[in-house]
Structures are given as structure tokens and as C-alpha cells.
Amino acid sequence: MSHPSPSRVQLTRAERHAFRAAIIRPGVRCVDCGQPATVADHVIPIAEGGSNDPITNGQPMCEPCHNIKTQAEAQRAQARRR
């Protein structure tokens, strides 16, 4: 399955802000570790065909867990390019 390249799939600042505002609220916790969430994550990255719908493709994460997930996504992207 082919996915759009990240450089061709760009969200506007307003879209990013609305996505984050819909997910990050006081008291919300990281879906992975339960710590306070500070990052609004796309479950399926936009670059892999995910939507920008916070209800169907959004989840709250803490920064350390999000960094681990992002690193794994970057490795998948690198493998697709090979």
C-alpha cells in the first residue's frame, strides 16, 4: 500500500491546534503509561493515511511515550523507502 509522503501531507496551524484542543484537556492521561498527557497523537500518522479526525484517529500521550512511537514510525517510513 502506498502512502503519501510527509512533505505532501501538511496540516495547517489551525488544523493542528483544533486537533490538539479536542484531545488535550485538564486531567487527561497518556494512553500508554497513564501519566498526564501533553501531546495529541494521530493513532495512524497522516503520512501513513490516517485522518485528522480527533475522535477516530486521536489519542492523548505524554511526551516520552510519544517520542518512542514517533521513532518507530520514522523507522517504518525509512524501511518503506528502501
N, C-alpha and C. Protein backbone atom coordinates (compact mmCIF):
# COMPACT_ATOMS: atom_id res chain seq x y z
N MET A 1 0.85 -1.18 0.00
CA MET A 1 0.00 0.00 0.00
C MET A 1 0.89 1.24 0.00
N SER A 2 0.61 2.16 -0.84
CA SER A 2 1.40 3.38 -0.94
C SER A 2 0.79 4.46 -0.04
N HIS A 3 1.64 5.18 0.62
CA HIS A 3 1.20 6.26 1.50
C HIS A 3 1.76 7.57 0.98
N PRO A 4 1.04 8.66 1.17
CA PRO A 4 1.56 9.95 0.75
C PRO A 4 2.82 10.28 1.53
N SER A 5 3.73 10.98 0.91
CA SER A 5 4.94 11.37 1.62
C SER A 5 4.60 12.46 2.62
N PRO A 6 5.32 12.52 3.74
CA PRO A 6 5.02 13.54 4.75
C PRO A 6 5.12 14.95 4.19
N SER A 7 5.98 15.17 3.21
CA SER A 7 6.14 16.52 2.68
C SER A 7 4.92 16.96 1.87
N ARG A 8 4.12 16.01 1.38
CA ARG A 8 2.93 16.36 0.62
C ARG A 8 1.69 16.43 1.50
N VAL A 9 1.77 15.93 2.72
CA VAL A 9 0.63 15.93 3.63
C VAL A 9 0.97 16.86 4.79
N GLN A 10 0.52 18.09 4.68
CA GLN A 10 0.82 19.08 5.70
C GLN A 10 -0.48 19.61 6.28
N LEU A 11 -0.54 19.67 7.59
CA LEU A 11 -1.69 20.25 8.26
C LEU A 11 -1.42 21.72 8.50
N THR A 12 -2.46 22.52 8.45
CA THR A 12 -2.30 23.93 8.76
C THR A 12 -2.16 24.10 10.27
N ARG A 13 -1.70 25.24 10.68
CA ARG A 13 -1.59 25.54 12.12
C ARG A 13 -2.95 25.43 12.78
N ALA A 14 -3.99 25.92 12.12
CA ALA A 14 -5.34 25.87 12.68
C ALA A 14 -5.81 24.41 12.84
N GLU A 15 -5.51 23.57 11.86
CA GLU A 15 -5.88 22.16 11.95
C GLU A 15 -5.16 21.47 13.10
N ARG A 16 -3.86 21.75 13.25
CA ARG A 16 -3.09 21.15 14.36
C ARG A 16 -3.63 21.62 15.70
N HIS A 17 -3.94 22.90 15.79
CA HIS A 17 -4.45 23.47 17.04
C HIS A 17 -5.81 22.85 17.40
N ALA A 18 -6.70 22.74 16.43
CA ALA A 18 -8.03 22.17 16.69
C ALA A 18 -7.92 20.70 17.11
N PHE A 19 -7.03 19.95 16.46
CA PHE A 19 -6.82 18.54 16.80
C PHE A 19 -6.35 18.43 18.24
N ARG A 20 -5.34 19.23 18.60
CA ARG A 20 -4.81 19.19 19.97
C ARG A 20 -5.86 19.61 20.99
N ALA A 21 -6.60 20.67 20.69
CA ALA A 21 -7.61 21.17 21.63
C ALA A 21 -8.70 20.13 21.89
N ALA A 22 -8.99 19.30 20.90
CA ALA A 22 -10.02 18.28 21.06
C ALA A 22 -9.55 17.11 21.92
N ILE A 23 -8.24 16.94 22.05
CA ILE A 23 -7.69 15.77 22.75
C ILE A 23 -7.09 16.11 24.11
N ILE A 24 -6.34 17.18 24.19
CA ILE A 24 -5.65 17.54 25.43
C ILE A 24 -6.55 18.45 26.28
N ARG A 25 -7.01 17.91 27.35
CA ARG A 25 -7.88 18.61 28.30
C ARG A 25 -7.32 18.41 29.71
N PRO A 26 -7.68 19.23 30.66
CA PRO A 26 -7.20 19.03 32.03
C PRO A 26 -7.53 17.63 32.54
N GLY A 27 -6.55 16.98 33.12
CA GLY A 27 -6.75 15.67 33.72
C GLY A 27 -6.62 14.49 32.78
N VAL A 28 -6.47 14.74 31.47
CA VAL A 28 -6.38 13.62 30.53
C VAL A 28 -5.02 12.93 30.70
N ARG A 29 -5.02 11.61 30.53
CA ARG A 29 -3.83 10.78 30.76
C ARG A 29 -3.34 10.11 29.49
N CYS A 30 -2.06 9.81 29.46
CA CYS A 30 -1.43 9.11 28.35
C CYS A 30 -2.05 7.72 28.20
N VAL A 31 -2.38 7.36 26.96
CA VAL A 31 -2.99 6.06 26.71
C VAL A 31 -2.02 4.91 26.95
N ASP A 32 -0.72 5.18 26.95
CA ASP A 32 0.28 4.12 27.14
C ASP A 32 0.67 3.92 28.60
N CYS A 33 0.99 5.01 29.31
CA CYS A 33 1.55 4.85 30.65
C CYS A 33 0.70 5.44 31.78
N GLY A 34 -0.29 6.24 31.43
CA GLY A 34 -1.16 6.82 32.46
C GLY A 34 -0.67 8.12 33.07
N GLN A 35 0.48 8.61 32.63
CA GLN A 35 0.96 9.90 33.11
C GLN A 35 0.14 11.02 32.47
N PRO A 36 0.21 12.24 33.01
CA PRO A 36 -0.53 13.34 32.38
C PRO A 36 -0.13 13.49 30.91
N ALA A 37 -1.13 13.64 30.06
CA ALA A 37 -0.90 13.76 28.62
C ALA A 37 -0.59 15.21 28.25
N THR A 38 0.39 15.38 27.38
CA THR A 38 0.77 16.70 26.90
C THR A 38 0.81 16.78 25.38
N VAL A 39 0.64 15.63 24.71
CA VAL A 39 0.75 15.57 23.25
C VAL A 39 -0.50 14.92 22.68
N ALA A 40 -1.04 15.54 21.61
CA ALA A 40 -2.15 14.95 20.87
C ALA A 40 -1.55 14.16 19.71
N ASP A 41 -1.76 12.86 19.73
CA ASP A 41 -1.14 11.96 18.76
C ASP A 41 -2.16 11.45 17.75
N HIS A 42 -1.71 11.32 16.50
CA HIS A 42 -2.51 10.64 15.47
C HIS A 42 -2.22 9.15 15.61
N VAL A 43 -3.22 8.35 15.91
CA VAL A 43 -3.05 6.91 16.06
C VAL A 43 -2.39 6.35 14.80
N ILE A 44 -2.99 6.63 13.65
CA ILE A 44 -2.39 6.32 12.35
C ILE A 44 -1.85 7.64 11.81
N PRO A 45 -0.54 7.74 11.64
CA PRO A 45 0.03 9.01 11.18
C PRO A 45 -0.60 9.49 9.87
N ILE A 46 -0.70 10.79 9.73
CA ILE A 46 -1.21 11.38 8.49
C ILE A 46 -0.41 10.85 7.30
N ALA A 47 0.90 10.74 7.45
CA ALA A 47 1.77 10.28 6.37
C ALA A 47 1.52 8.83 5.99
N GLU A 48 0.84 8.08 6.86
CA GLU A 48 0.52 6.68 6.58
C GLU A 48 -0.95 6.51 6.22
N GLY A 49 -1.62 7.61 5.94
CA GLY A 49 -3.00 7.54 5.50
C GLY A 49 -4.03 7.80 6.57
N GLY A 50 -3.60 8.18 7.77
CA GLY A 50 -4.54 8.47 8.85
C GLY A 50 -5.26 9.79 8.64
N SER A 51 -6.38 9.92 9.29
CA SER A 51 -7.18 11.15 9.18
C SER A 51 -6.77 12.14 10.28
N ASN A 52 -7.26 13.35 10.15
CA ASN A 52 -7.03 14.36 11.18
C ASN A 52 -8.25 14.49 12.09
N ASP A 53 -9.07 13.45 12.14
CA ASP A 53 -10.25 13.44 12.98
C ASP A 53 -9.86 13.02 14.40
N PRO A 54 -9.98 13.92 15.38
CA PRO A 54 -9.55 13.57 16.74
C PRO A 54 -10.38 12.46 17.38
N ILE A 55 -11.60 12.27 16.92
CA ILE A 55 -12.45 11.23 17.51
C ILE A 55 -12.03 9.84 17.04
N THR A 56 -11.76 9.70 15.76
CA THR A 56 -11.44 8.37 15.21
C THR A 56 -9.95 8.10 15.10
N ASN A 57 -9.12 9.16 15.15
CA ASN A 57 -7.68 8.94 14.95
C ASN A 57 -6.82 9.76 15.92
N GLY A 58 -7.35 10.10 17.06
CA GLY A 58 -6.58 10.88 18.02
C GLY A 58 -6.48 10.19 19.36
N GLN A 59 -5.36 10.42 20.03
CA GLN A 59 -5.18 9.87 21.37
C GLN A 59 -4.23 10.76 22.15
N PRO A 60 -4.45 10.87 23.46
CA PRO A 60 -3.56 11.66 24.30
C PRO A 60 -2.34 10.83 24.70
N MET A 61 -1.18 11.47 24.70
CA MET A 61 0.06 10.79 25.11
C MET A 61 0.94 11.76 25.89
N CYS A 62 1.81 11.20 26.71
CA CYS A 62 2.84 12.01 27.34
C CYS A 62 3.99 12.12 26.33
N GLU A 63 4.86 13.08 26.53
CA GLU A 63 5.95 13.30 25.56
C GLU A 63 6.89 12.10 25.43
N PRO A 64 7.33 11.46 26.54
CA PRO A 64 8.22 10.30 26.38
C PRO A 64 7.60 9.17 25.56
N CYS A 65 6.34 8.83 25.83
CA CYS A 65 5.68 7.76 25.07
C CYS A 65 5.51 8.17 23.61
N HIS A 66 5.17 9.43 23.38
CA HIS A 66 5.01 9.92 22.01
C HIS A 66 6.33 9.86 21.25
N ASN A 67 7.42 10.19 21.92
CA ASN A 67 8.74 10.13 21.27
C ASN A 67 9.07 8.70 20.84
N ILE A 68 8.76 7.72 21.67
CA ILE A 68 9.01 6.31 21.34
C ILE A 68 8.17 5.92 20.12
N LYS A 69 6.89 6.30 20.12
CA LYS A 69 6.00 5.97 19.00
C LYS A 69 6.49 6.65 17.71
N THR A 70 6.88 7.91 17.81
CA THR A 70 7.36 8.64 16.65
C THR A 70 8.62 8.01 16.07
N GLN A 71 9.50 7.56 16.93
CA GLN A 71 10.73 6.90 16.47
C GLN A 71 10.39 5.62 15.69
N ALA A 72 9.44 4.84 16.19
CA ALA A 72 9.03 3.62 15.49
C ALA A 72 8.40 3.96 14.14
N GLU A 73 7.62 5.03 14.08
CA GLU A 73 7.02 5.46 12.82
C GLU A 73 8.10 5.89 11.82
N ALA A 74 9.11 6.59 12.31
CA ALA A 74 10.21 7.01 11.44
C ALA A 74 10.97 5.81 10.87
N GLN A 75 11.14 4.80 11.70
CA GLN A 75 11.81 3.58 11.22
C GLN A 75 10.97 2.88 10.15
N ARG A 76 9.66 2.85 10.32
CA ARG A 76 8.79 2.26 9.30
C ARG A 76 8.88 3.05 8.00
N ALA A 77 8.89 4.36 8.10
CA ALA A 77 8.99 5.21 6.91
C ALA A 77 10.31 4.96 6.18
N GLN A 78 11.38 4.83 6.94
CA GLN A 78 12.69 4.56 6.35
C GLN A 78 12.68 3.21 5.65
N ALA A 79 12.06 2.22 6.25
CA ALA A 79 12.00 0.89 5.64
C ALA A 79 11.17 0.91 4.36
N ARG A 80 10.10 1.72 4.32
CA ARG A 80 9.28 1.82 3.11
C ARG A 80 10.08 2.42 1.96
N ARG A 81 11.00 3.33 2.26
CA ARG A 81 11.77 4.00 1.22
C ARG A 81 12.84 3.09 0.63
N ARG A 82 13.16 2.00 1.29
CA ARG A 82 14.20 1.10 0.79
C ARG A 82 13.70 0.21 -0.29
